[in-house]
C-alpha atoms as a PDB file:
ATOM      1  CA  MET A   1      31.883  37.111 -36.732  1.00  0.00           C
ATOM      2  CA  ARG A   2      33.845  35.077 -34.260  1.00  0.00           C
ATOM      3  CA  TYR A   3      34.370  37.818 -31.649  1.00  0.00           C
ATOM      4  CA  GLY A   4      32.008  40.638 -32.524  1.00  0.00           C
ATOM      5  CA  PHE A   5      31.384  43.332 -35.083  1.00  0.00           C
ATOM      6  CA  ILE A   6      33.244  46.363 -36.335  1.00  0.00           C
ATOM      7  CA  VAL A   7      31.273  49.305 -37.614  1.00  0.00           C
ATOM      8  CA  ASP A   8      33.602  51.141 -39.986  1.00  0.00           C
ATOM      9  CA  ALA A   9      31.566  54.304 -40.476  1.00  0.00           C
ATOM     10  CA  PRO A  10      29.562  56.259 -37.891  1.00  0.00           C
ATOM     11  CA  ASN A  11      26.608  56.505 -40.271  1.00  0.00           C
ATOM     12  CA  ASP A  12      26.532  52.765 -41.056  1.00  0.00           C
ATOM     13  CA  TRP A  13      23.363  52.120 -39.091  1.00  0.00           C
ATOM     14  CA  ARG A  14      22.735  48.806 -40.852  1.00  0.00           C
ATOM     15  CA  SER A  15      25.988  47.305 -39.528  1.00  0.00           C
ATOM     16  CA  LEU A  16      25.297  48.695 -36.066  1.00  0.00           C
ATOM     17  CA  ALA A  17      21.786  47.222 -36.084  1.00  0.00           C
ATOM     18  CA  GLU A  18      23.128  43.872 -37.325  1.00  0.00           C
ATOM     19  CA  GLY A  19      25.684  43.757 -34.507  1.00  0.00           C
ATOM     20  CA  LEU A  20      23.150  44.696 -31.856  1.00  0.00           C
ATOM     21  CA  LEU A  21      20.656  42.111 -33.073  1.00  0.00           C
ATOM     22  CA  HIS A  22      23.372  39.443 -33.240  1.00  0.00           C
ATOM     23  CA  PHE A  23      24.243  39.935 -29.592  1.00  0.00           C
ATOM     24  CA  CYS A  24      20.644  39.922 -28.390  1.00  0.00           C
ATOM     25  CA  ASP A  25      21.021  36.133 -28.498  1.00  0.00           C
ATOM     26  CA  HIS A  26      22.649  34.741 -25.323  1.00  0.00           C
ATOM     27  CA  GLU A  27      24.030  31.756 -27.240  1.00  0.00           C
ATOM     28  CA  LYS A  28      25.905  34.060 -29.631  1.00  0.00           C
ATOM     29  CA  ILE A  29      27.260  36.092 -26.716  1.00  0.00           C
ATOM     30  CA  GLU A  30      28.535  32.901 -25.119  1.00  0.00           C
ATOM     31  CA  LEU A  31      30.148  31.720 -28.379  1.00  0.00           C
ATOM     32  CA  ALA A  32      31.979  35.045 -28.723  1.00  0.00           C
ATOM     33  CA  ARG A  33      33.095  34.917 -25.077  1.00  0.00           C
ATOM     34  CA  GLU A  34      34.421  31.385 -25.530  1.00  0.00           C
ATOM     35  CA  ALA A  35      36.283  32.355 -28.732  1.00  0.00           C
ATOM     36  CA  ILE A  36      37.873  35.309 -26.955  1.00  0.00           C
ATOM     37  CA  MET A  37      38.987  33.102 -24.071  1.00  0.00           C
ATOM     38  CA  GLU A  38      40.254  30.297 -26.361  1.00  0.00           C
ATOM     39  CA  ASP A  39      42.383  32.750 -28.315  1.00  0.00           C
ATOM     40  CA  ASN A  40      43.677  34.537 -25.180  1.00  0.00           C
ATOM     41  CA  LEU A  41      42.247  37.878 -26.296  1.00  0.00           C
ATOM     42  CA  ALA A  42      40.470  38.886 -23.088  1.00  0.00           C
ATOM     43  CA  ASP A  43      43.000  41.638 -22.308  1.00  0.00           C
ATOM     44  CA  GLU A  44      42.862  42.972 -25.882  1.00  0.00           C
ATOM     45  CA  VAL A  45      39.072  43.316 -26.039  1.00  0.00           C
ATOM     46  CA  SER A  46      38.442  44.495 -22.490  1.00  0.00           C
ATOM     47  CA  ILE A  47      36.696  47.737 -21.611  1.00  0.00           C
ATOM     48  CA  ALA A  48      39.962  48.900 -19.999  1.00  0.00           C
ATOM     49  CA  LYS A  49      41.879  48.360 -23.263  1.00  0.00           C
ATOM     50  CA  HIS A  50      39.160  50.155 -25.226  1.00  0.00           C
ATOM     51  CA  ALA A  51      39.276  53.122 -22.840  1.00  0.00           C
ATOM     52  CA  GLU A  52      43.093  53.195 -23.055  1.00  0.00           C
ATOM     53  CA  LYS A  53      42.926  53.371 -26.870  1.00  0.00           C
ATOM     54  CA  LEU A  54      40.294  56.124 -26.774  1.00  0.00           C
ATOM     55  CA  ILE A  55      42.403  58.198 -24.386  1.00  0.00           C
ATOM     56  CA  GLY A  56      45.393  57.785 -26.700  1.00  0.00           C
ATOM     57  CA  LEU A  57      43.285  58.896 -29.656  1.00  0.00           C
ATOM     58  CA  TYR A  58      41.993  61.965 -27.790  1.00  0.00           C
ATOM     59  CA  LYS A  59      45.537  62.908 -26.731  1.00  0.00           C
ATOM     60  CA  ALA A  60      46.707  62.661 -30.346  1.00  0.00           C
ATOM     61  CA  ILE A  61      43.815  64.863 -31.507  1.00  0.00           C
ATOM     62  CA  ILE A  62      44.554  67.455 -28.824  1.00  0.00           C
ATOM     63  CA  SER A  63      48.251  67.403 -29.696  1.00  0.00           C
ATOM     64  CA  GLN A  64      47.495  67.965 -33.399  1.00  0.00           C
ATOM     65  CA  ARG A  65      45.133  70.847 -32.622  1.00  0.00           C
ATOM     66  CA  LYS A  66      47.757  72.536 -30.485  1.00  0.00           C
ATOM     67  CA  LYS A  67      50.223  72.385 -33.411  1.00  0.00           C
ATOM     68  CA  SER A  68      47.738  73.997 -35.792  1.00  0.00           C
END
Protein backbone atom coordinates (compact mmCIF):
# COMPACT_ATOMS: atom_id res chain seq x y z
CA MET A 1 0.00 0.00 0.00
CA ARG A 2 1.08 3.54 -0.63
CA TYR A 3 0.46 4.89 2.89
CA GLY A 4 -0.01 1.90 5.15
CA PHE A 5 -2.39 -0.92 5.93
CA ILE A 6 -5.95 -1.21 7.12
CA VAL A 7 -6.95 -4.22 9.15
CA ASP A 8 -10.70 -4.59 8.65
CA ALA A 9 -11.39 -7.19 11.33
CA PRO A 10 -9.90 -7.45 14.83
CA ASN A 11 -9.26 -11.17 14.35
CA ASP A 12 -7.48 -10.75 11.00
CA TRP A 13 -4.05 -11.56 12.39
CA ARG A 14 -2.63 -12.28 8.94
CA SER A 15 -3.27 -8.70 7.75
CA LEU A 16 -1.90 -7.31 11.00
CA ALA A 17 1.25 -9.43 10.68
CA GLU A 18 1.65 -8.40 7.03
CA GLY A 19 1.42 -4.72 7.96
CA LEU A 20 3.86 -5.04 10.83
CA LEU A 21 6.38 -6.93 8.71
CA HIS A 22 6.01 -4.40 5.88
CA PHE A 23 6.96 -1.54 8.16
CA CYS A 24 9.93 -3.31 9.71
CA ASP A 25 11.78 -2.11 6.60
CA HIS A 26 13.06 1.48 6.96
CA GLU A 27 12.89 2.00 3.19
CA LYS A 28 9.17 1.17 3.16
CA ILE A 29 8.56 3.50 6.10
CA GLU A 30 10.32 6.29 4.23
CA LEU A 31 8.32 5.62 1.04
CA ALA A 32 5.05 5.83 2.99
CA ARG A 33 6.18 9.03 4.73
CA GLU A 34 7.09 10.61 1.40
CA ALA A 35 3.73 9.59 -0.14
CA ILE A 36 1.88 11.10 2.81
CA MET A 37 3.82 14.36 2.49
CA GLU A 38 3.45 14.51 -1.33
CA ASP A 39 -0.31 14.10 -1.05
CA ASN A 40 -0.64 16.59 1.84
CA LEU A 41 -2.14 13.97 4.15
CA ALA A 42 0.04 14.53 7.21
CA ASP A 43 -2.81 16.11 9.20
CA GLU A 44 -5.23 13.33 8.21
CA VAL A 45 -3.00 10.44 9.30
CA SER A 46 -1.51 11.99 12.42
CA ILE A 47 -1.76 10.47 15.88
CA ALA A 48 -3.79 13.54 16.93
CA LYS A 49 -6.35 12.92 14.17
CA HIS A 50 -6.54 9.23 15.08
CA ALA A 51 -7.13 10.09 18.75
CA GLU A 52 -9.79 12.65 17.77
CA LYS A 53 -11.66 10.00 15.74
CA LEU A 54 -11.44 7.46 18.57
CA ILE A 55 -12.83 9.97 21.07
CA GLY A 56 -15.71 10.70 18.69
CA LEU A 57 -16.40 6.98 18.35
CA TYR A 58 -16.37 6.47 22.14
CA LYS A 59 -18.73 9.43 22.63
CA ALA A 60 -21.14 7.98 20.07
CA ILE A 61 -21.05 4.58 21.81
CA ILE A 62 -21.69 6.17 25.21
CA SER A 63 -24.53 8.25 23.78
CA GLN A 64 -26.17 5.15 22.26
CA ARG A 65 -25.86 3.22 25.52
CA LYS A 66 -27.50 6.03 27.44
CA LYS A 67 -30.49 5.92 25.04
CA SER A 68 -30.93 2.18 25.52
